PDB file of N, CA and C in Angstrom:
ATOM      1  N   MET A   1     119.477 123.861 114.583  1.00  0.00           N
ATOM      2  CA  MET A   1     119.996 122.740 115.325  1.00  0.00           C
ATOM      3  C   MET A   1     119.637 122.866 116.805  1.00  0.00           C
ATOM      4  N   ILE A   2     119.712 124.065 117.321  1.00  0.00           N
ATOM      5  CA  ILE A   2     119.383 124.285 118.734  1.00  0.00           C
ATOM      6  C   ILE A   2     117.899 124.010 118.968  1.00  0.00           C
ATOM      7  N   ALA A   3     117.060 124.437 118.029  1.00  0.00           N
ATOM      8  CA  ALA A   3     115.623 124.196 118.164  1.00  0.00           C
ATOM      9  C   ALA A   3     115.319 122.701 118.148  1.00  0.00           C
ATOM     10  N   ALA A   4     116.054 121.948 117.339  1.00  0.00           N
ATOM     11  CA  ALA A   4     115.845 120.500 117.276  1.00  0.00           C
ATOM     12  C   ALA A   4     116.216 119.836 118.598  1.00  0.00           C
ATOM     13  N   VAL A   5     117.298 120.278 119.201  1.00  0.00           N
ATOM     14  CA  VAL A   5     117.724 119.705 120.488  1.00  0.00           C
ATOM     15  C   VAL A   5     116.712 120.035 121.580  1.00  0.00           C
ATOM     16  N   ILE A   6     116.229 121.258 121.601  1.00  0.00           N
ATOM     17  CA  ILE A   6     115.236 121.659 122.599  1.00  0.00           C
ATOM     18  C   ILE A   6     113.948 120.849 122.420  1.00  0.00           C
ATOM     19  N   THR A   7     113.520 120.695 121.175  1.00  0.00           N
ATOM     20  CA  THR A   7     112.320 119.908 120.893  1.00  0.00           C
ATOM     21  C   THR A   7     112.506 118.455 121.304  1.00  0.00           C
ATOM     22  N   LEU A   8     113.667 117.902 121.025  1.00  0.00           N
ATOM     23  CA  LEU A   8     113.956 116.525 121.412  1.00  0.00           C
ATOM     24  C   LEU A   8     113.888 116.346 122.916  1.00  0.00           C
ATOM     25  N   VAL A   9     114.493 117.252 123.660  1.00  0.00           N
ATOM     26  CA  VAL A   9     114.477 117.161 125.124  1.00  0.00           C
ATOM     27  C   VAL A   9     113.052 117.275 125.648  1.00  0.00           C
ATOM     28  N   LEU A  10     112.283 118.221 125.121  1.00  0.00           N
ATOM     29  CA  LEU A  10     110.902 118.378 125.573  1.00  0.00           C
ATOM     30  C   LEU A  10     110.061 117.153 125.235  1.00  0.00           C
ATOM     31  N   MET A  11     110.255 116.590 124.054  1.00  0.00           N
ATOM     32  CA  MET A  11     109.500 115.395 123.677  1.00  0.00           C
ATOM     33  C   MET A  11     109.882 114.204 124.548  1.00  0.00           C
ATOM     34  N   LEU A  12     111.154 114.097 124.894  1.00  0.00           N
ATOM     35  CA  LEU A  12     111.576 113.005 125.780  1.00  0.00           C
ATOM     36  C   LEU A  12     110.926 113.131 127.156  1.00  0.00           C
ATOM     37  N   ILE A  13     110.795 114.347 127.625  1.00  0.00           N
ATOM     38  CA  ILE A  13     110.206 114.567 128.947  1.00  0.00           C
ATOM     39  C   ILE A  13     108.716 114.235 128.932  1.00  0.00           C
ATOM     40  N   PHE A  14     107.995 114.743 127.927  1.00  0.00           N
ATOM     41  CA  PHE A  14     106.541 114.605 127.920  1.00  0.00           C
ATOM     42  C   PHE A  14     106.052 113.287 127.315  1.00  0.00           C
ATOM     43  N   ALA A  15     106.782 112.726 126.378  1.00  0.00           N
ATOM     44  CA  ALA A  15     106.293 111.538 125.671  1.00  0.00           C
ATOM     45  C   ALA A  15     106.756 110.230 126.293  1.00  0.00           C
ATOM     46  N   THR A  16     107.735 110.272 127.170  1.00  0.00           N
ATOM     47  CA  THR A  16     108.259 109.025 127.734  1.00  0.00           C
ATOM     48  C   THR A  16     107.197 108.276 128.516  1.00  0.00           C
ATOM     49  N   GLY A  17     106.474 108.945 129.357  1.00  0.00           N
ATOM     50  CA  GLY A  17     105.419 108.296 130.131  1.00  0.00           C
ATOM     51  C   GLY A  17     104.304 107.777 129.250  1.00  0.00           C
ATOM     52  N   PHE A  18     103.950 108.524 128.228  1.00  0.00           N
ATOM     53  CA  PHE A  18     102.885 108.128 127.313  1.00  0.00           C
ATOM     54  C   PHE A  18     103.268 106.875 126.526  1.00  0.00           C
ATOM     55  N   LEU A  19     104.510 106.820 126.066  1.00  0.00           N
ATOM     56  CA  LEU A  19     104.931 105.701 125.236  1.00  0.00           C
ATOM     57  C   LEU A  19     105.129 104.412 126.032  1.00  0.00           C
ATOM     58  N   ARG A  20     105.269 104.493 127.326  1.00  0.00           N
ATOM     59  CA  ARG A  20     105.428 103.279 128.135  1.00  0.00           C
ATOM     60  C   ARG A  20     104.202 102.385 128.068  1.00  0.00           C
ATOM     61  N   GLN A  21     103.080 102.936 127.700  1.00  0.00           N
ATOM     62  CA  GLN A  21     101.857 102.147 127.577  1.00  0.00           C
ATOM     63  C   GLN A  21     101.846 101.329 126.291  1.00  0.00           C
ATOM     64  N   TYR A  22     102.701 101.652 125.369  1.00  0.00           N
ATOM     65  CA  TYR A  22     102.747 100.991 124.063  1.00  0.00           C
ATOM     66  C   TYR A  22     104.139 100.404 123.836  1.00  0.00           C
ATOM     67  N   MET A  23     104.437  99.305 124.507  1.00  0.00           N
ATOM     68  CA  MET A  23     105.778  98.727 124.439  1.00  0.00           C
ATOM     69  C   MET A  23     106.119  98.194 123.052  1.00  0.00           C
ATOM     70  N   VAL A  24     105.141  97.695 122.316  1.00  0.00           N
ATOM     71  CA  VAL A  24     105.404  97.211 120.964  1.00  0.00           C
ATOM     72  C   VAL A  24     105.822  98.371 120.072  1.00  0.00           C
ATOM     73  N   LEU A  25     105.150  99.503 120.216  1.00  0.00           N
ATOM     74  CA  LEU A  25     105.509 100.689 119.445  1.00  0.00           C
ATOM     75  C   LEU A  25     106.910 101.162 119.796  1.00  0.00           C
ATOM     76  N   VAL A  26     107.220 101.195 121.082  1.00  0.00           N
ATOM     77  CA  VAL A  26     108.560 101.625 121.515  1.00  0.00           C
ATOM     78  C   VAL A  26     109.614 100.679 120.949  1.00  0.00           C
ATOM     79  N   SER A  27     109.336  99.394 120.976  1.00  0.00           N
ATOM     80  CA  SER A  27     110.294  98.416 120.441  1.00  0.00           C
ATOM     81  C   SER A  27     110.506  98.616 118.946  1.00  0.00           C
ATOM     82  N   SER A  28     109.428  98.827 118.211  1.00  0.00           N
ATOM     83  CA  SER A  28     109.543  99.037 116.770  1.00  0.00           C
ATOM     84  C   SER A  28     110.300 100.319 116.451  1.00  0.00           C
ATOM     85  N   LEU A  29     109.982 101.383 117.157  1.00  0.00           N
ATOM     86  CA  LEU A  29     110.681 102.653 116.920  1.00  0.00           C
ATOM     87  C   LEU A  29     112.159 102.543 117.258  1.00  0.00           C
ATOM     88  N   THR A  30     112.473 101.813 118.321  1.00  0.00           N
ATOM     89  CA  THR A  30     113.875 101.601 118.687  1.00  0.00           C
ATOM     90  C   THR A  30     114.596 100.816 117.598  1.00  0.00           C
ATOM     91  N   ALA A  31     113.957  99.775 117.087  1.00  0.00           N
ATOM     92  CA  ALA A  31     114.572  98.974 116.023  1.00  0.00           C
ATOM     93  C   ALA A  31     114.792  99.815 114.766  1.00  0.00           C
ATOM     94  N   TYR A  32     113.807 100.635 114.396  1.00  0.00           N
ATOM     95  CA  TYR A  32     113.967 101.509 113.231  1.00  0.00           C
ATOM     96  C   TYR A  32     115.110 102.496 113.434  1.00  0.00           C
ATOM     97  N   GLY A  33     115.182 103.069 114.609  1.00  0.00           N
ATOM     98  CA  GLY A  33     116.239 104.041 114.887  1.00  0.00           C
ATOM     99  C   GLY A  33     117.620 103.422 114.850  1.00  0.00           C
ATOM    100  N   VAL A  34     117.768 102.269 115.479  1.00  0.00           N
ATOM    101  CA  VAL A  34     119.071 101.590 115.488  1.00  0.00           C
ATOM    102  C   VAL A  34     119.450 101.164 114.081  1.00  0.00           C
ATOM    103  N   SER A  35     118.487 100.654 113.320  1.00  0.00           N
ATOM    104  CA  SER A  35     118.757 100.247 111.942  1.00  0.00           C
ATOM    105  C   SER A  35     119.213 101.434 111.096  1.00  0.00           C
ATOM    106  N   THR A  36     118.572 102.566 111.284  1.00  0.00           N
ATOM    107  CA  THR A  36     118.967 103.772 110.548  1.00  0.00           C
ATOM    108  C   THR A  36     120.388 104.180 110.880  1.00  0.00           C
ATOM    109  N   ILE A  37     120.716 104.189 112.152  1.00  0.00           N
ATOM    110  CA  ILE A  37     122.068 104.589 112.584  1.00  0.00           C
ATOM    111  C   ILE A  37     123.108 103.619 112.040  1.00  0.00           C
ATOM    112  N   VAL A  38     122.835 102.321 112.107  1.00  0.00           N
ATOM    113  CA  VAL A  38     123.783 101.324 111.595  1.00  0.00           C
ATOM    114  C   VAL A  38     123.984 101.492 110.096  1.00  0.00           C
ATOM    115  N   CYS A  39     122.905 101.680 109.344  1.00  0.00           N
ATOM    116  CA  CYS A  39     123.021 101.856 107.894  1.00  0.00           C
ATOM    117  C   CYS A  39     123.802 103.110 107.527  1.00  0.00           C
ATOM    118  N   VAL A  40     123.571 104.194 108.238  1.00  0.00           N
ATOM    119  CA  VAL A  40     124.297 105.438 107.957  1.00  0.00           C
ATOM    120  C   VAL A  40     125.780 105.266 108.261  1.00  0.00           C
ATOM    121  N   ILE A  41     126.107 104.637 109.374  1.00  0.00           N
ATOM    122  CA  ILE A  41     127.520 104.438 109.736  1.00  0.00           C
ATOM    123  C   ILE A  41     128.216 103.546 108.710  1.00  0.00           C
ATOM    124  N   ILE A  42     127.574 102.464 108.312  1.00  0.00           N
ATOM    125  CA  ILE A  42     128.181 101.571 107.324  1.00  0.00           C
ATOM    126  C   ILE A  42     128.350 102.293 105.987  1.00  0.00           C
ATOM    127  N   SER A  43     127.367 103.099 105.599  1.00  0.00           N
ATOM    128  CA  SER A  43     127.469 103.839 104.342  1.00  0.00           C
ATOM    129  C   SER A  43     128.598 104.867 104.385  1.00  0.00           C
ATOM    130  N   LEU A  44     128.740 105.544 105.512  1.00  0.00           N
ATOM    131  CA  LEU A  44     129.790 106.557 105.620  1.00  0.00           C
ATOM    132  C   LEU A  44     131.182 105.947 105.708  1.00  0.00           C
ATOM    133  N   MET A  45     131.283 104.728 106.202  1.00  0.00           N
ATOM    134  CA  MET A  45     132.587 104.069 106.313  1.00  0.00           C
ATOM    135  C   MET A  45     133.087 103.562 104.962  1.00  0.00           C
ATOM    136  N   GLY A  46     132.173 103.331 104.025  1.00  0.00           N
ATOM    137  CA  GLY A  46     132.564 102.820 102.713  1.00  0.00           C
ATOM    138  C   GLY A  46     133.253 103.883 101.877  1.00  0.00           C
ATOM    139  N   ASN A  47     134.099 103.443 100.954  1.00  0.00           N
ATOM    140  CA  ASN A  47     134.810 104.402 100.098  1.00  0.00           C
ATOM    141  C   ASN A  47     134.247 104.408  98.685  1.00  0.00           C
ATOM    142  N   GLU A  48     133.174 103.654  98.443  1.00  0.00           N
ATOM    143  CA  GLU A  48     132.554 103.629  97.132  1.00  0.00           C
ATOM    144  C   GLU A  48     131.654 104.850  96.963  1.00  0.00           C
ATOM    145  N   ARG A  49     131.772 105.496  95.825  1.00  0.00           N
ATOM    146  CA  ARG A  49     130.970 106.680  95.548  1.00  0.00           C
ATOM    147  C   ARG A  49     129.814 106.313  94.640  1.00  0.00           C
ATOM    148  N   PHE A  50     128.696 106.975  94.816  1.00  0.00           N
ATOM    149  CA  PHE A  50     127.495 106.698  94.044  1.00  0.00           C
ATOM    150  C   PHE A  50     127.633 107.307  92.664  1.00  0.00           C
ATOM    151  N   ASP A  51     127.403 106.510  91.640  1.00  0.00           N
ATOM    152  CA  ASP A  51     127.545 106.964  90.257  1.00  0.00           C
ATOM    153  C   ASP A  51     126.159 107.173  89.646  1.00  0.00           C
ATOM    154  N   PHE A  52     125.708 108.408  89.644  1.00  0.00           N
ATOM    155  CA  PHE A  52     124.383 108.725  89.130  1.00  0.00           C
ATOM    156  C   PHE A  52     124.279 108.470  87.634  1.00  0.00           C
ATOM    157  N   ASP A  53     125.367 108.689  86.892  1.00  0.00           N
ATOM    158  CA  ASP A  53     125.340 108.456  85.449  1.00  0.00           C
ATOM    159  C   ASP A  53     125.139 106.982  85.129  1.00  0.00           C
ATOM    160  N   LEU A  54     125.768 106.104  85.902  1.00  0.00           N
ATOM    161  CA  LEU A  54     125.613 104.667  85.694  1.00  0.00           C
ATOM    162  C   LEU A  54     124.185 104.233  86.005  1.00  0.00           C
ATOM    163  N   ILE A  55     123.604 104.776  87.066  1.00  0.00           N
ATOM    164  CA  ILE A  55     122.221 104.450  87.403  1.00  0.00           C
ATOM    165  C   ILE A  55     121.287 104.929  86.292  1.00  0.00           C
ATOM    166  N   LYS A  56     121.530 106.118  85.777  1.00  0.00           N
ATOM    167  CA  LYS A  56     120.694 106.648  84.695  1.00  0.00           C
ATOM    168  C   LYS A  56     120.797 105.766  83.454  1.00  0.00           C
ATOM    169  N   GLU A  57     122.000 105.271  83.171  1.00  0.00           N
ATOM    170  CA  GLU A  57     122.201 104.403  82.012  1.00  0.00           C
ATOM    171  C   GLU A  57     121.478 103.068  82.197  1.00  0.00           C
ATOM    172  N   ARG A  58     121.556 102.497  83.389  1.00  0.00           N
ATOM    173  CA  ARG A  58     120.955 101.190  83.639  1.00  0.00           C
ATOM    174  C   ARG A  58     119.437 101.261  83.775  1.00  0.00           C
ATOM    175  N   VAL A  59     118.944 102.295  84.409  1.00  0.00           N
ATOM    176  CA  VAL A  59     117.511 102.395  84.647  1.00  0.00           C
ATOM    177  C   VAL A  59     116.835 103.090  83.486  1.00  0.00           C
ATOM    178  N   GLY A  60     117.321 104.266  83.168  1.00  0.00           N
ATOM    179  CA  GLY A  60     116.800 105.006  82.035  1.00  0.00           C
ATOM    180  C   GLY A  60     115.337 105.377  82.183  1.00  0.00           C
ATOM    181  N   ASP A  61     114.770 105.738  81.086  1.00  0.00           N
ATOM    182  CA  ASP A  61     113.365 106.115  81.033  1.00  0.00           C
ATOM    183  C   ASP A  61     112.658 105.078  80.173  1.00  0.00           C
ATOM    184  N   TYR A  62     111.901 104.199  80.819  1.00  0.00           N
ATOM    185  CA  TYR A  62     111.240 103.117  80.103  1.00  0.00           C
ATOM    186  C   TYR A  62     109.962 103.563  79.406  1.00  0.00           C
ATOM    187  N   ASP A  63     109.459 104.688  79.747  1.00  0.00           N
ATOM    188  CA  ASP A  63     108.240 105.194  79.127  1.00  0.00           C
ATOM    189  C   ASP A  63     108.608 105.978  77.895  1.00  0.00           C
ATOM    190  N   THR A  64     108.132 105.511  76.758  1.00  0.00           N
ATOM    191  CA  THR A  64     108.397 106.254  75.523  1.00  0.00           C
ATOM    192  C   THR A  64     107.296 107.301  75.355  1.00  0.00           C
ATOM    193  N   PRO A  65     107.666 108.511  75.008  1.00  0.00           N
ATOM    194  CA  PRO A  65     106.651 109.561  74.859  1.00  0.00           C
ATOM    195  C   PRO A  65     105.740 109.241  73.674  1.00  0.00           C
ATOM    196  N   LYS A  66     104.461 109.444  73.878  1.00  0.00           N
ATOM    197  CA  LYS A  66     103.486 109.214  72.823  1.00  0.00           C
ATOM    198  C   LYS A  66     103.358 110.446  71.966  1.00  0.00           C
ATOM    199  N   LYS A  67     103.222 110.218  70.684  1.00  0.00           N
ATOM    200  CA  LYS A  67     103.031 111.327  69.748  1.00  0.00           C
ATOM    201  C   LYS A  67     101.592 111.809  69.860  1.00  0.00           C
ATOM    202  N   VAL A  68     101.421 113.077  70.077  1.00  0.00           N
ATOM    203  CA  VAL A  68     100.099 113.661  70.165  1.00  0.00           C
ATOM    204  C   VAL A  68      99.827 114.385  68.862  1.00  0.00           C
ATOM    205  N   SER A  69      98.795 113.969  68.188  1.00  0.00           N
ATOM    206  CA  SER A  69      98.490 114.612  66.911  1.00  0.00           C
ATOM    207  C   SER A  69      97.577 115.825  67.149  1.00  0.00           C
ATOM    208  N   ALA A  70      97.920 116.905  66.521  1.00  0.00           N
ATOM    209  CA  ALA A  70      97.133 118.136  66.638  1.00  0.00           C
ATOM    210  C   ALA A  70      95.980 118.071  65.642  1.00  0.00           C
ATOM    211  N   LYS A  71      94.796 118.386  66.087  1.00  0.00           N
ATOM    212  CA  LYS A  71      93.616 118.362  65.207  1.00  0.00           C
ATOM    213  C   LYS A  71      93.305 119.712  64.682  1.00  0.00           C
TER     214      LYS A  71
END
C-alpha cells in the first residue's frame, strides 16, 4: 500500500505536465475514474448479496461436450 501511494505521488508530479497536452485523454480518464468510484460506492451501499449458485443455474454451460471416439 505504501509503494502504491509513493508511485501515485511520483506519477502525479511527473505526468501532470505531460497530460496537459492531451485534454481529451484527461477528460476521458477523469470520467472513467469518477464512474468507477460511483459504481463502487453504490454497490457497497446496497444490501443485496451476489448469488453465484443462481447465476450458475441461469447461465450454465451451453456447450455440450462432444464424444471423442478412440480409434
